[in-house]
Structures are given as structure tokens and as C-alpha cells.
N, C-alpha and C. Protein backbone atom coordinates (compact mmCIF):
# COMPACT_ATOMS: atom_id res chain seq x y z
N UNK A 1 15.30 -20.68 -5.66
CA UNK A 1 16.21 -19.94 -4.73
C UNK A 1 17.12 -20.39 -4.28
N UNK A 2 18.64 -20.12 -4.34
CA UNK A 2 19.85 -20.70 -4.46
C UNK A 2 20.16 -20.67 -2.98
N UNK A 3 21.02 -21.44 -2.51
CA UNK A 3 21.40 -21.55 -1.31
C UNK A 3 22.86 -21.56 -1.22
N UNK A 4 23.38 -21.08 0.10
CA UNK A 4 24.86 -21.23 0.14
C UNK A 4 25.74 -22.41 0.02
N UNK A 5 24.95 -23.63 0.16
CA UNK A 5 25.12 -24.86 0.13
C UNK A 5 25.14 -25.45 -1.14
N UNK A 6 24.93 -24.91 -2.23
CA UNK A 6 24.45 -25.14 -3.63
C UNK A 6 23.33 -25.64 -4.12
N UNK A 7 22.33 -25.68 -3.26
CA UNK A 7 21.32 -26.07 -3.73
C UNK A 7 20.67 -24.90 -4.03
N UNK A 8 19.69 -25.79 -5.17
CA UNK A 8 18.62 -24.54 -5.72
C UNK A 8 17.35 -25.34 -5.45
N UNK A 9 16.25 -24.67 -4.87
CA UNK A 9 14.67 -24.63 -4.59
C UNK A 9 13.99 -24.22 -5.72
N UNK A 10 12.96 -25.02 -5.89
CA UNK A 10 12.23 -24.59 -7.23
C UNK A 10 10.75 -25.22 -6.85
N UNK A 11 10.00 -24.27 -6.91
CA UNK A 11 8.43 -24.63 -6.72
C UNK A 11 7.74 -25.07 -8.16
N UNK A 12 6.85 -26.10 -8.34
CA UNK A 12 6.32 -26.25 -9.36
C UNK A 12 4.72 -26.20 -9.45
N UNK A 13 4.12 -26.44 -10.61
CA UNK A 13 2.96 -26.13 -10.97
C UNK A 13 1.87 -27.49 -10.14
N UNK A 14 2.44 -28.34 -9.82
CA UNK A 14 1.54 -29.36 -9.20
C UNK A 14 1.68 -29.41 -7.62
N UNK A 15 2.23 -28.22 -6.92
CA UNK A 15 2.38 -28.22 -5.42
C UNK A 15 3.87 -29.18 -4.76
N UNK A 16 4.63 -29.02 -5.91
CA UNK A 16 5.80 -29.55 -5.06
C UNK A 16 7.01 -28.70 -4.94
N UNK A 17 7.83 -28.72 -4.32
CA UNK A 17 9.23 -28.16 -4.22
C UNK A 17 10.27 -29.23 -4.59
N UNK A 18 11.01 -28.88 -5.57
CA UNK A 18 12.24 -29.68 -6.21
C UNK A 18 13.37 -29.42 -5.33
N UNK A 19 14.22 -29.64 -4.83
CA UNK A 19 15.40 -29.43 -4.58
C UNK A 19 16.42 -30.20 -5.18
N UNK A 20 17.47 -29.07 -5.95
CA UNK A 20 18.67 -30.01 -6.70
C UNK A 20 19.91 -29.75 -6.20
N UNK A 21 20.79 -30.71 -5.68
CA UNK A 21 21.96 -30.28 -5.39
C UNK A 21 23.32 -30.23 -6.30
N UNK A 22 24.09 -29.82 -5.40
CA UNK A 22 25.71 -29.57 -6.33
C UNK A 22 25.96 -30.67 -7.29
N UNK A 23 25.52 -31.72 -6.69
CA UNK A 23 25.72 -33.36 -8.03
C UNK A 23 24.47 -33.34 -8.59
N UNK A 24 24.55 -33.68 -10.08
CA UNK A 24 23.12 -33.62 -10.68
C UNK A 24 22.58 -34.88 -10.41
N UNK A 25 22.92 -35.76 -9.55
CA UNK A 25 22.24 -36.96 -9.02
C UNK A 25 21.46 -36.69 -7.64
N UNK A 26 21.39 -35.77 -7.03
CA UNK A 26 20.96 -35.44 -5.98
C UNK A 26 20.12 -34.23 -6.01
N UNK A 27 18.54 -35.09 -5.77
CA UNK A 27 17.50 -34.29 -6.32
C UNK A 27 16.75 -34.60 -5.08
N UNK A 28 15.90 -34.07 -4.29
CA UNK A 28 14.41 -34.43 -3.56
C UNK A 28 13.13 -33.74 -3.68
N UNK A 29 12.35 -34.42 -3.80
CA UNK A 29 11.18 -33.59 -3.48
C UNK A 29 10.16 -33.61 -2.50
N UNK A 30 9.62 -32.35 -2.18
CA UNK A 30 8.85 -32.13 -1.35
C UNK A 30 7.48 -31.68 -1.67
N UNK A 31 6.40 -32.52 -1.25
CA UNK A 31 5.08 -32.58 -1.46
C UNK A 31 4.19 -31.62 -0.82
N UNK A 32 3.79 -30.47 -1.05
CA UNK A 32 3.16 -29.18 -0.16
C UNK A 32 1.95 -29.83 -0.16
N UNK A 33 0.86 -29.95 -1.02
CA UNK A 33 -0.34 -30.29 -1.47
C UNK A 33 -0.72 -30.17 -3.10
N UNK A 34 -1.92 -30.03 -3.47
CA UNK A 34 -2.06 -29.54 -4.96
C UNK A 34 -2.00 -28.38 -5.60
N UNK A 35 -2.19 -27.47 -4.79
CA UNK A 35 -1.92 -25.97 -5.34
C UNK A 35 -0.62 -25.69 -5.99
N UNK A 36 -0.19 -25.05 -7.04
CA UNK A 36 0.95 -24.42 -7.52
C UNK A 36 1.63 -23.87 -6.72
N UNK A 37 2.88 -23.90 -6.98
CA UNK A 37 4.01 -22.76 -5.79
C UNK A 37 4.85 -22.21 -7.37
N UNK A 38 4.11 -20.78 -7.54
CA UNK A 38 4.66 -20.20 -8.61
C UNK A 38 5.69 -18.96 -7.83
N UNK A 39 5.74 -18.68 -6.71
CA UNK A 39 6.68 -17.51 -6.34
C UNK A 39 7.98 -18.22 -5.59
N UNK A 40 8.96 -17.10 -5.83
CA UNK A 40 10.15 -17.74 -5.28
C UNK A 40 10.09 -18.01 -4.03
N UNK A 41 11.21 -18.96 -3.50
CA UNK A 41 11.08 -18.78 -2.03
C UNK A 41 11.84 -18.18 -1.49
N UNK A 42 11.96 -18.48 0.06
CA UNK A 42 13.05 -17.27 0.67
C UNK A 42 13.18 -17.83 2.15
N UNK A 43 14.27 -17.23 2.42
CA UNK A 43 14.85 -17.90 4.04
C UNK A 43 14.40 -16.91 5.05
N UNK A 44 13.86 -17.28 5.84
CA UNK A 44 13.79 -16.52 6.97
C UNK A 44 14.81 -15.90 7.91
N UNK A 45 14.73 -14.97 8.72
CA UNK A 45 16.21 -14.41 9.25
C UNK A 45 16.77 -14.99 10.30
N UNK A 46 16.03 -15.07 11.46
CA UNK A 46 16.54 -16.04 12.80
C UNK A 46 16.87 -17.75 12.72
N UNK A 47 15.89 -18.38 12.12
CA UNK A 47 16.05 -19.86 12.35
C UNK A 47 16.18 -20.27 11.03
N UNK A 48 16.33 -19.56 9.79
CA UNK A 48 16.72 -20.37 8.45
C UNK A 48 15.66 -21.29 7.81
N UNK A 49 14.42 -20.88 8.08
CA UNK A 49 13.16 -21.89 7.74
C UNK A 49 13.24 -21.50 6.31
N UNK A 50 12.79 -22.12 5.38
CA UNK A 50 12.22 -21.79 3.96
C UNK A 50 10.74 -21.42 4.12
N UNK A 51 10.63 -20.07 3.76
CA UNK A 51 9.17 -19.80 3.42
C UNK A 51 8.82 -19.58 2.12
N UNK A 52 7.58 -19.98 1.95
CA UNK A 52 6.75 -20.00 0.56
C UNK A 52 5.42 -19.56 0.29
N UNK A 53 4.74 -18.81 -0.34
CA UNK A 53 3.25 -18.75 -0.55
C UNK A 53 3.01 -19.89 -1.58
N UNK A 54 1.72 -20.73 -1.29
CA UNK A 54 0.92 -21.45 -2.22
C UNK A 54 -0.22 -21.13 -2.54
N UNK A 55 -0.56 -20.37 -3.26
CA UNK A 55 -2.03 -20.00 -3.66
C UNK A 55 -2.48 -19.00 -2.37
N UNK A 56 -3.65 -20.06 -1.34
CA UNK A 56 -3.82 -19.26 -0.07
C UNK A 56 -3.26 -19.69 1.15
N UNK A 57 -2.19 -20.47 1.25
CA UNK A 57 -1.61 -20.54 2.21
C UNK A 57 0.27 -20.17 2.15
N UNK A 58 0.48 -19.78 3.23
CA UNK A 58 2.18 -19.66 3.65
C UNK A 58 2.49 -21.09 4.10
N UNK A 59 3.45 -21.33 3.56
CA UNK A 59 4.47 -22.54 3.89
C UNK A 59 5.75 -22.59 4.90
N UNK A 60 6.06 -23.05 5.92
CA UNK A 60 6.95 -23.12 6.25
C UNK A 60 8.06 -24.60 6.19
N UNK A 61 9.28 -24.55 5.56
CA UNK A 61 9.90 -26.01 5.36
C UNK A 61 11.17 -25.77 6.60
N UNK A 62 11.58 -27.11 7.03
CA UNK A 62 12.86 -27.13 7.65
C UNK A 62 13.46 -28.20 6.89
N UNK A 63 14.59 -28.18 6.31
CA UNK A 63 15.02 -29.21 5.18
C UNK A 63 13.95 -29.43 4.22
N UNK A 64 13.56 -30.95 4.43
CA UNK A 64 12.65 -31.48 3.47
C UNK A 64 11.15 -31.52 4.20
N UNK A 65 11.07 -31.23 5.40
CA UNK A 65 10.00 -31.20 6.32
C UNK A 65 9.26 -29.83 6.06
N UNK A 66 7.79 -30.17 5.97
CA UNK A 66 6.91 -29.02 6.29
C UNK A 66 6.48 -28.97 7.39
N UNK A 67 7.01 -27.83 8.10
CA UNK A 67 6.84 -27.40 9.75
C UNK A 67 5.34 -26.71 10.00
N UNK A 68 5.19 -25.83 9.19
CA UNK A 68 3.74 -25.49 9.15
C UNK A 68 3.10 -25.05 7.87
N UNK A 69 1.71 -24.70 8.13
CA UNK A 69 0.91 -24.05 6.99
C UNK A 69 0.06 -23.10 8.05
N UNK A 70 -0.11 -21.97 7.16
CA UNK A 70 -0.61 -20.67 7.58
C UNK A 70 -1.99 -20.36 6.31
N UNK A 71 -3.04 -20.48 6.83
CA UNK A 71 -3.93 -19.97 5.86
C UNK A 71 -3.88 -18.49 5.56
N UNK A 72 -3.83 -17.82 4.18
CA UNK A 72 -3.77 -16.32 4.08
C UNK A 72 -5.24 -16.05 3.72
N UNK A 73 -5.42 -14.83 4.00
CA UNK A 73 -6.79 -14.19 2.97
C UNK A 73 -6.38 -14.06 1.76
N UNK A 74 -7.15 -14.60 0.90
CA UNK A 74 -7.22 -14.52 -0.55
C UNK A 74 -6.18 -15.54 -1.21
N UNK A 75 -5.66 -15.17 -2.37
CA UNK A 75 -4.82 -15.83 -2.85
C UNK A 75 -3.37 -15.29 -3.13
N UNK A 76 -2.22 -15.70 -3.33
CA UNK A 76 -0.87 -14.95 -3.57
C UNK A 76 -0.30 -15.76 -4.29
N UNK A 77 0.54 -15.22 -5.53
CA UNK A 77 1.40 -15.43 -6.51
C UNK A 77 2.56 -15.22 -6.44
N UNK A 78 2.89 -13.95 -5.81
CA UNK A 78 4.09 -13.52 -5.72
C UNK A 78 5.08 -13.69 -4.13
N UNK A 79 6.09 -13.42 -4.77
CA UNK A 79 7.26 -13.80 -3.43
C UNK A 79 6.93 -13.31 -2.22
N UNK A 80 7.36 -13.74 -0.88
CA UNK A 80 7.18 -13.24 -0.09
C UNK A 80 8.50 -12.06 0.39
N UNK A 81 8.12 -11.17 1.01
CA UNK A 81 9.01 -10.16 1.18
C UNK A 81 9.42 -10.03 2.93
N UNK A 82 10.74 -9.20 2.70
CA UNK A 82 11.03 -9.68 4.14
C UNK A 82 12.12 -8.58 4.94
N UNK A 83 12.06 -8.25 5.85
CA UNK A 83 13.06 -7.40 6.42
C UNK A 83 13.63 -8.18 7.97
N UNK A 84 14.46 -7.51 8.57
CA UNK A 84 14.70 -8.39 9.68
C UNK A 84 13.64 -8.52 10.69
N UNK A 85 12.94 -7.86 10.63
CA UNK A 85 11.97 -7.55 11.90
C UNK A 85 10.62 -8.32 11.50
N UNK A 86 10.31 -8.65 10.05
CA UNK A 86 9.14 -9.14 9.32
C UNK A 86 8.92 -9.65 8.15
N UNK A 87 7.85 -10.55 7.80
CA UNK A 87 7.90 -11.17 6.37
C UNK A 87 6.40 -10.65 6.54
N UNK A 88 6.55 -10.09 4.91
CA UNK A 88 5.02 -9.82 4.49
C UNK A 88 4.43 -10.66 3.32
N UNK A 89 3.02 -10.96 3.26
CA UNK A 89 2.54 -11.75 2.18
C UNK A 89 1.42 -10.67 1.61
N UNK A 90 1.51 -10.39 0.39
CA UNK A 90 0.65 -9.61 -0.05
C UNK A 90 0.24 -10.78 -1.02
N UNK A 91 -1.46 -10.79 -0.51
CA UNK A 91 -2.67 -11.72 -1.16
C UNK A 91 -3.93 -10.57 -2.22
N UNK A 92 -4.54 -11.16 -2.92
CA UNK A 92 -5.69 -10.57 -3.37
C UNK A 92 -6.41 -9.72 -2.46
N UNK A 93 -6.58 -9.94 -1.13
CA UNK A 93 -7.47 -9.32 -0.07
C UNK A 93 -6.60 -8.94 0.85
N UNK A 94 -5.44 -8.82 1.24
CA UNK A 94 -4.72 -7.92 2.18
C UNK A 94 -3.36 -8.05 1.86
N UNK A 95 -2.29 -7.18 3.03
CA UNK A 95 -1.28 -7.03 2.97
C UNK A 95 -0.82 -7.60 4.43
N UNK A 96 -0.31 -8.86 4.66
CA UNK A 96 -0.44 -9.58 6.11
C UNK A 96 1.14 -9.45 6.33
N UNK A 97 1.42 -9.01 7.50
CA UNK A 97 2.59 -9.11 8.31
C UNK A 97 3.05 -9.96 9.04
N UNK A 98 3.77 -10.66 9.35
CA UNK A 98 4.31 -11.74 10.21
C UNK A 98 5.44 -11.27 10.78
N UNK A 99 6.09 -12.09 11.95
CA UNK A 99 6.96 -11.90 12.85
C UNK A 99 8.16 -12.21 11.77
N UNK A 100 9.53 -12.03 12.27
CA UNK A 100 10.52 -12.23 11.27
C UNK A 100 10.82 -13.71 11.03
N UNK A 101 10.06 -14.68 11.84
CA UNK A 101 10.39 -16.18 11.26
C UNK A 101 8.89 -16.64 10.63
N UNK A 102 8.26 -15.78 10.37
CA UNK A 102 6.62 -16.24 9.58
C UNK A 102 5.88 -16.97 10.41
N UNK A 103 6.13 -16.92 11.50
CA UNK A 103 5.22 -17.84 12.37
C UNK A 103 3.69 -17.23 13.13
N UNK A 104 3.86 -16.08 13.09
CA UNK A 104 2.46 -15.34 13.90
C UNK A 104 2.58 -14.15 12.94
N UNK A 105 1.34 -13.67 12.93
CA UNK A 105 0.48 -12.70 12.12
C UNK A 105 0.62 -11.28 13.09
N UNK A 106 1.25 -10.47 12.73
CA UNK A 106 1.32 -9.34 13.46
C UNK A 106 0.35 -8.10 13.20
N UNK A 107 -0.02 -8.16 11.49
CA UNK A 107 -0.91 -7.40 11.49
C UNK A 107 -1.59 -7.40 9.98
N UNK A 108 -2.61 -7.10 9.67
CA UNK A 108 -3.51 -7.27 8.40
C UNK A 108 -3.84 -6.09 8.03
N UNK A 109 -3.22 -5.76 6.79
CA UNK A 109 -4.22 -4.72 6.16
C UNK A 109 -4.90 -4.82 5.03
N UNK A 110 -6.43 -4.71 5.35
CA UNK A 110 -7.21 -5.03 4.13
C UNK A 110 -7.31 -4.44 2.99
N UNK A 111 -7.23 -4.91 1.83
CA UNK A 111 -7.34 -4.41 0.32
C UNK A 111 -8.22 -3.51 0.18
N UNK A 112 -9.23 -3.47 0.87
CA UNK A 112 -10.42 -2.89 0.49
C UNK A 112 -10.53 -1.30 1.17
N UNK A 113 -9.66 -1.53 2.32
CA UNK A 113 -9.25 -0.06 3.25
C UNK A 113 -8.23 0.37 2.29
N UNK A 114 -7.23 0.04 1.95
CA UNK A 114 -6.06 0.60 1.28
C UNK A 114 -6.89 1.16 -0.13
N UNK A 115 -7.40 0.36 -0.62
CA UNK A 115 -8.03 0.59 -2.22
C UNK A 115 -8.95 2.09 -2.23
N UNK A 116 -9.70 2.13 -0.89
CA UNK A 116 -10.84 3.34 -0.91
C UNK A 116 -10.16 4.52 -0.29
N UNK A 117 -8.62 4.15 0.28
CA UNK A 117 -7.92 5.48 0.41
C UNK A 117 -8.29 5.28 2.15
N UNK A 118 -8.66 4.88 2.58
CA UNK A 118 -8.67 4.93 4.15
C UNK A 118 -7.51 4.15 4.82
N UNK A 119 -7.31 4.95 6.25
CA UNK A 119 -6.37 4.37 6.80
C UNK A 119 -6.46 3.90 8.23
């Protein structure tokens, strides 16, 4: 993910976020855990946190600090989607909807109900 300040945020297969700055010598590393971060990162609407999925977690970062980890049902290797009012995490078990800052779960749509055609 590229940001307006010229930084590039990249997830790695060993559970780190590498942040490269506009200068070749400016690089910091953020350790999330041991699970890979394959999906691109995103910013939340209101407070500008960095949000990402790392297998079965949704993580929020402020700068180079981890603000929170939220357990997700199943696993996710895809980018979070966002609107002005919600953040959406698609996992192997459900579509989970969070508030605009990805801090509070609002709704969960189980995959089994969607796959069987039930509403």
C-alpha cells in the first residue's frame, strides 16, 4: 500500500510489515506474529489506522505500533474492503462486517448460510 507521505507498506510471508520511506535508507519493520501477511493493507476512514488481515486475524496499526488484533472466523488471504461506514473481511467461514474503524464487529454472515441459499 502506498501512502501520501511517500511510504510503501508491504506484508511479508513471515508475519512482518515492511515500511519503506521516500529515502532508500528509511525502512522500518513491524512484527505482527508468525502468520503470513499476503493481502494488501488499507487505511480506515475516520482515524487513519492501517488495517490488514493475517490468516485468522484482523490487525490494526497506528504508525509502527500494533493497536489491536481481532480473531476472525476461518482464514483470509484477501484485502479488506471498505466503505465510508464499514470494513468487510471475507474469510473461509464468513463475511464479517466491522464499523468504519474496524474496531467493532457489526454483523457476521456465515458462509454456510450463503452457500445454501438461506437468508
